[in-house]
Every structure is written in C-alpha cells, then in structure tokens.
C-alpha atoms as a PDB file:
ATOM      1  CA  MET A   1      70.117  96.127  76.959  1.00  0.00           C
ATOM      2  CA  THR A   2      72.751  98.462  75.241  1.00  0.00           C
ATOM      3  CA  PRO A   3      72.406  98.303  71.254  1.00  0.00           C
ATOM      4  CA  ARG A   4      75.084  96.415  69.814  1.00  0.00           C
ATOM      5  CA  SER A   5      77.249  98.185  66.809  1.00  0.00           C
ATOM      6  CA  VAL A   6      76.561  97.041  63.304  1.00  0.00           C
ATOM      7  CA  ASP A   7      79.082  94.268  62.551  1.00  0.00           C
ATOM      8  CA  PRO A   8      79.013  93.250  58.942  1.00  0.00           C
ATOM      9  CA  VAL A   9      79.846  89.585  59.750  1.00  0.00           C
ATOM     10  CA  PHE A  10      76.486  89.218  61.578  1.00  0.00           C
ATOM     11  CA  VAL A  11      74.483  91.480  58.947  1.00  0.00           C
ATOM     12  CA  VAL A  12      75.919  88.721  56.306  1.00  0.00           C
ATOM     13  CA  ALA A  13      74.825  85.902  58.590  1.00  0.00           C
ATOM     14  CA  ALA A  14      71.500  87.586  59.172  1.00  0.00           C
ATOM     15  CA  LEU A  15      70.922  87.601  55.602  1.00  0.00           C
ATOM     16  CA  CYS A  16      71.771  83.874  55.165  1.00  0.00           C
ATOM     17  CA  PHE A  17      69.060  83.374  57.661  1.00  0.00           C
ATOM     18  CA  VAL A  18      66.679  85.408  55.720  1.00  0.00           C
ATOM     19  CA  GLY A  19      67.575  83.321  52.730  1.00  0.00           C
ATOM     20  CA  ALA A  20      66.995  80.166  54.647  1.00  0.00           C
ATOM     21  CA  ALA A  21      63.645  81.327  55.544  1.00  0.00           C
ATOM     22  CA  ALA A  22      62.897  82.132  52.004  1.00  0.00           C
ATOM     23  CA  SER A  23      64.006  78.672  50.925  1.00  0.00           C
ATOM     24  CA  HIS A  24      61.689  77.159  53.673  1.00  0.00           C
ATOM     25  CA  VAL A  25      58.555  79.318  52.222  1.00  0.00           C
ATOM     26  CA  VAL A  26      59.286  78.040  48.733  1.00  0.00           C
ATOM     27  CA  ARG A  27      59.897  74.332  49.694  1.00  0.00           C
ATOM     28  CA  GLY A  28      56.723  74.457  52.367  1.00  0.00           C
ATOM     29  CA  VAL A  29      54.445  75.544  49.574  1.00  0.00           C
ATOM     30  CA  GLY A  30      54.480  72.234  47.706  1.00  0.00           C
ATOM     31  CA  ALA A  31      54.765  70.295  50.859  1.00  0.00           C
ATOM     32  CA  GLU A  32      52.200  68.389  52.576  1.00  0.00           C
ATOM     33  CA  GLY A  33      51.261  67.537  56.299  1.00  0.00           C
ATOM     34  CA  GLY A  34      54.163  67.376  58.859  1.00  0.00           C
ATOM     35  CA  ASP A  35      56.571  68.552  56.001  1.00  0.00           C
ATOM     36  CA  ARG A  36      54.789  71.770  55.651  1.00  0.00           C
ATOM     37  CA  LEU A  37      54.594  72.429  59.365  1.00  0.00           C
ATOM     38  CA  ARG A  38      58.362  71.682  59.636  1.00  0.00           C
ATOM     39  CA  HIS A  39      58.923  74.434  56.984  1.00  0.00           C
ATOM     40  CA  VAL A  40      56.673  77.029  58.607  1.00  0.00           C
ATOM     41  CA  VAL A  41      58.477  76.390  61.806  1.00  0.00           C
ATOM     42  CA  PHE A  42      61.887  77.089  60.195  1.00  0.00           C
ATOM     43  CA  VAL A  43      60.613  79.992  58.560  1.00  0.00           C
ATOM     44  CA  ALA A  44      59.823  81.314  61.841  1.00  0.00           C
ATOM     45  CA  ILE A  45      63.189  80.054  63.376  1.00  0.00           C
ATOM     46  CA  ASP A  46      65.099  81.454  60.708  1.00  0.00           C
ATOM     47  CA  LEU A  47      63.545  84.972  60.818  1.00  0.00           C
ATOM     48  CA  LEU A  48      64.323  85.210  64.780  1.00  0.00           C
ATOM     49  CA  ALA A  49      67.677  83.906  64.080  1.00  0.00           C
ATOM     50  CA  ALA A  50      68.168  86.963  61.734  1.00  0.00           C
ATOM     51  CA  ALA A  51      66.692  89.263  64.032  1.00  0.00           C
ATOM     52  CA  GLY A  52      68.756  88.062  66.969  1.00  0.00           C
ATOM     53  CA  LEU A  53      72.011  88.496  64.993  1.00  0.00           C
ATOM     54  CA  LEU A  54      71.108  91.943  64.228  1.00  0.00           C
ATOM     55  CA  VAL A  55      70.317  92.845  67.864  1.00  0.00           C
ATOM     56  CA  ARG A  56      72.843  90.403  69.444  1.00  0.00           C
ATOM     57  CA  PRO A  57      71.795  90.173  73.185  1.00  0.00           C
ATOM     58  CA  ARG A  58      74.322  88.699  75.270  1.00  0.00           C
ATOM     59  CA  TRP A  59      72.414  85.708  76.042  1.00  0.00           C
ATOM     60  CA  LEU A  60      71.686  84.728  72.080  1.00  0.00           C
ATOM     61  CA  TRP A  61      74.669  82.248  72.118  1.00  0.00           C
ATOM     62  CA  ALA A  62      72.345  79.848  74.431  1.00  0.00           C
ATOM     63  CA  PRO A  63      69.444  79.297  72.051  1.00  0.00           C
ATOM     64  CA  PHE A  64      71.842  79.579  69.108  1.00  0.00           C
ATOM     65  CA  ALA A  65      73.700  76.672  70.642  1.00  0.00           C
ATOM     66  CA  VAL A  66      70.720  74.516  70.684  1.00  0.00           C
ATOM     67  CA  LEU A  67      69.944  75.529  66.976  1.00  0.00           C
ATOM     68  CA  THR A  68      73.533  74.695  66.147  1.00  0.00           C
ATOM     69  CA  LEU A  69      73.115  71.242  67.606  1.00  0.00           C
ATOM     70  CA  GLN A  70      69.920  70.681  65.799  1.00  0.00           C
ATOM     71  CA  GLN A  71      71.096  71.661  62.568  1.00  0.00           C
ATOM     72  CA  LEU A  72      74.443  69.663  62.823  1.00  0.00           C
ATOM     73  CA  HIS A  73      72.177  66.661  63.582  1.00  0.00           C
ATOM     74  CA  GLY A  74      69.932  67.420  60.563  1.00  0.00           C
ATOM     75  CA  HIS A  75      72.276  68.834  57.868  1.00  0.00           C
ATOM     76  CA  GLY A  76      75.401  67.364  59.248  1.00  0.00           C
ATOM     77  CA  GLY A  77      73.754  63.884  59.504  1.00  0.00           C
ATOM     78  CA  GLN A  78      72.380  64.089  56.122  1.00  0.00           C
ATOM     79  CA  ALA A  79      75.938  65.332  54.700  1.00  0.00           C
ATOM     80  CA  TRP A  80      77.499  62.463  56.435  1.00  0.00           C
ATOM     81  CA  ALA A  81      74.897  59.905  55.044  1.00  0.00           C
ATOM     82  CA  ASP A  82      75.198  61.250  51.456  1.00  0.00           C
ATOM     83  CA  TRP A  83      78.964  61.228  51.752  1.00  0.00           C
ATOM     84  CA  ARG A  84      79.020  57.605  52.498  1.00  0.00           C
ATOM     85  CA  ALA A  85      76.355  56.577  49.961  1.00  0.00           C
ATOM     86  CA  THR A  86      77.455  58.475  47.038  1.00  0.00           C
ATOM     87  CA  GLY A  87      80.779  60.422  47.992  1.00  0.00           C
ATOM     88  CA  ARG A  88      78.837  63.779  47.183  1.00  0.00           C
ATOM     89  CA  PRO A  89      77.010  65.474  50.105  1.00  0.00           C
ATOM     90  CA  ALA A  90      74.660  68.226  49.086  1.00  0.00           C
ATOM     91  CA  ALA A  91      76.331  71.551  49.202  1.00  0.00           C
ATOM     92  CA  VAL A  92      73.704  73.137  51.515  1.00  0.00           C
ATOM     93  CA  ASP A  93      73.996  70.476  53.955  1.00  0.00           C
ATOM     94  CA  VAL A  94      77.931  71.183  54.328  1.00  0.00           C
ATOM     95  CA  ALA A  95      77.605  74.966  54.343  1.00  0.00           C
ATOM     96  CA  VAL A  96      74.936  74.419  57.164  1.00  0.00           C
ATOM     97  CA  ALA A  97      77.199  72.244  59.154  1.00  0.00           C
ATOM     98  CA  LEU A  98      80.174  74.434  58.666  1.00  0.00           C
ATOM     99  CA  PHE A  99      78.345  77.851  59.189  1.00  0.00           C
ATOM    100  CA  MET A 100      76.633  77.246  62.215  1.00  0.00           C
ATOM    101  CA  PRO A 101      79.422  76.323  64.508  1.00  0.00           C
ATOM    102  CA  VAL A 102      81.346  79.207  63.033  1.00  0.00           C
ATOM    103  CA  VAL A 103      78.479  82.047  64.010  1.00  0.00           C
ATOM    104  CA  LEU A 104      77.850  80.391  67.446  1.00  0.00           C
ATOM    105  CA  ALA A 105      81.619  80.674  68.105  1.00  0.00           C
ATOM    106  CA  LEU A 106      81.361  84.370  67.044  1.00  0.00           C
ATOM    107  CA  LEU A 107      78.619  84.693  69.178  1.00  0.00           C
ATOM    108  CA  VAL A 108      80.215  83.018  72.281  1.00  0.00           C
ATOM    109  CA  ARG A 109      83.351  85.229  71.720  1.00  0.00           C
ATOM    110  CA  GLU A 110      81.321  88.328  71.479  1.00  0.00           C
ATOM    111  CA  ALA A 111      79.296  87.467  74.753  1.00  0.00           C
ATOM    112  CA  ARG A 112      82.495  86.758  76.525  1.00  0.00           C
ATOM    113  CA  ALA A 113      84.228  89.979  75.596  1.00  0.00           C
ATOM    114  CA  GLY A 114      81.112  91.809  76.554  1.00  0.00           C
ATOM    115  CA  SER A 115      81.127  90.210  79.916  1.00  0.00           C
ATOM    116  CA  THR A 116      84.782  91.151  80.583  1.00  0.00           C
ATOM    117  CA  ALA A 117      84.180  94.884  79.265  1.00  0.00           C
ATOM    118  CA  GLU A 118      81.185  95.087  81.584  1.00  0.00           C
ATOM    119  CA  ALA A 119      83.402  93.830  84.594  1.00  0.00           C
ATOM    120  CA  GLN A 120      85.998  96.344  83.872  1.00  0.00           C
ATOM    121  CA  PRO A 121      85.044 100.177  83.683  1.00  0.00           C
ATOM    122  CA  THR A 122      86.337 101.834  80.332  1.00  0.00           C
ATOM    123  CA  ARG A 123      89.124 104.457  80.889  1.00  0.00           C
ATOM    124  CA  GLY A 124      87.805 107.477  82.490  1.00  0.00           C
ATOM    125  CA  GLU A 125      84.603 105.733  83.830  1.00  0.00           C
ATOM    126  CA  ASP A 126      84.588 104.959  87.568  1.00  0.00           C
ATOM    127  CA  GLN A 127      88.419 105.138  87.829  1.00  0.00           C
ATOM    128  CA  GLY A 128      88.621 108.354  89.493  1.00  0.00           C
ATOM    129  CA  GLU A 129      89.851 110.175  86.400  1.00  0.00           C
ATOM    130  CA  PRO A 130      89.422 113.909  86.351  1.00  0.00           C
ATOM    131  CA  GLY A 131      86.540 115.256  84.521  1.00  0.00           C
ATOM    132  CA  PRO A 132      86.158 118.518  82.734  1.00  0.00           C
ATOM    133  CA  GLY A 133      87.627 121.435  84.583  1.00  0.00           C
ATOM    134  CA  ALA A 134      89.759 119.281  86.618  1.00  0.00           C
ATOM    135  CA  GLY A 135      93.288 120.748  87.629  1.00  0.00           C
ATOM    136  CA  GLU A 136      91.677 124.139  88.178  1.00  0.00           C
ATOM    137  CA  ASP A 137      92.848 125.748  91.325  1.00  0.00           C
ATOM    138  CA  VAL A 138      90.207 125.185  94.060  1.00  0.00           C
ATOM    139  CA  GLY A 139      90.739 127.422  96.938  1.00  0.00           C
ATOM    140  CA  GLY A 140      94.580 126.950  96.265  1.00  0.00           C
ATOM    141  CA  VAL A 141      94.401 123.287  96.614  1.00  0.00           C
ATOM    142  CA  ASP A 142      95.405 121.235  93.509  1.00  0.00           C
ATOM    143  CA  PRO A 143      92.340 118.600  93.269  1.00  0.00           C
ATOM    144  CA  ARG A 144      94.734 116.059  91.813  1.00  0.00           C
END
C-alpha cells in the first residue's frame, strides 16, 4: 500500500473521531451494563476510524459507509425524533448526521481518483518517455 499524503481535511476529521472516542470514555465511566459496553465499542470504533482517516487505504470507504449508515440511523434518527418532539434536535446528533456523509463522500472521491491514477501511468512513467541521457548520439543514430 502506498502511503497517502497528509490531507488537513482528513486530519481534522480524525481529530473529531478522537474527540468522539474521548466523549465515549467519559460517558462510559458512569454507565452500567449494556450502555457501558456500547461506549467501549464506540471508543474502539472511533479510534480505528481516526487511524483509518490518517492512513486512508483505498478500501476504507466501504467500512466507513457501514459506519455512516449506523450513525445516520442512530444520531440522525435521534435528531429527527427530537426535532419532531421539541423542535430542537441535539447539536451533536445534527453534527454527526451531517459530518459522516461528507467524510464518506471525500473517501469515495479519493478512492475513485486513486483508481483512475493507478490505471493511467503518470507522465514519464511507462509511456516510452526518454529517460536521463536521452537524445545522445548512440552510434550515429538518434534514439528518439
């Protein structure tokens, strides 16, 4: 796997996931039973997502799409229910419901661009371009 360049957008997104993991740690400390387990699971998921956004393997979009659907169901559903009941959804629910699809779209765009870039060689690579020393007279024959 070729390392990806550092992209500030993905760094910020990764930091958001680290913040979400910290939030789950804090909320998980006082929780009991199944709710505590849910927070522990999301600490792990959030940290894996943060790491994934920094490394960004081309396949990351697929598990991230599953996570996005889960988050839209959970946070998006809660935002919708709160909006219908009180007219004021929690900011975190709205933020997550907007943030996740945007990050997913960026991952898909990057994966597609990478696939295109892999399919087409870059200038000077495998295109028969002359390398260093090209154009030198070799036995009276111009190699171009």
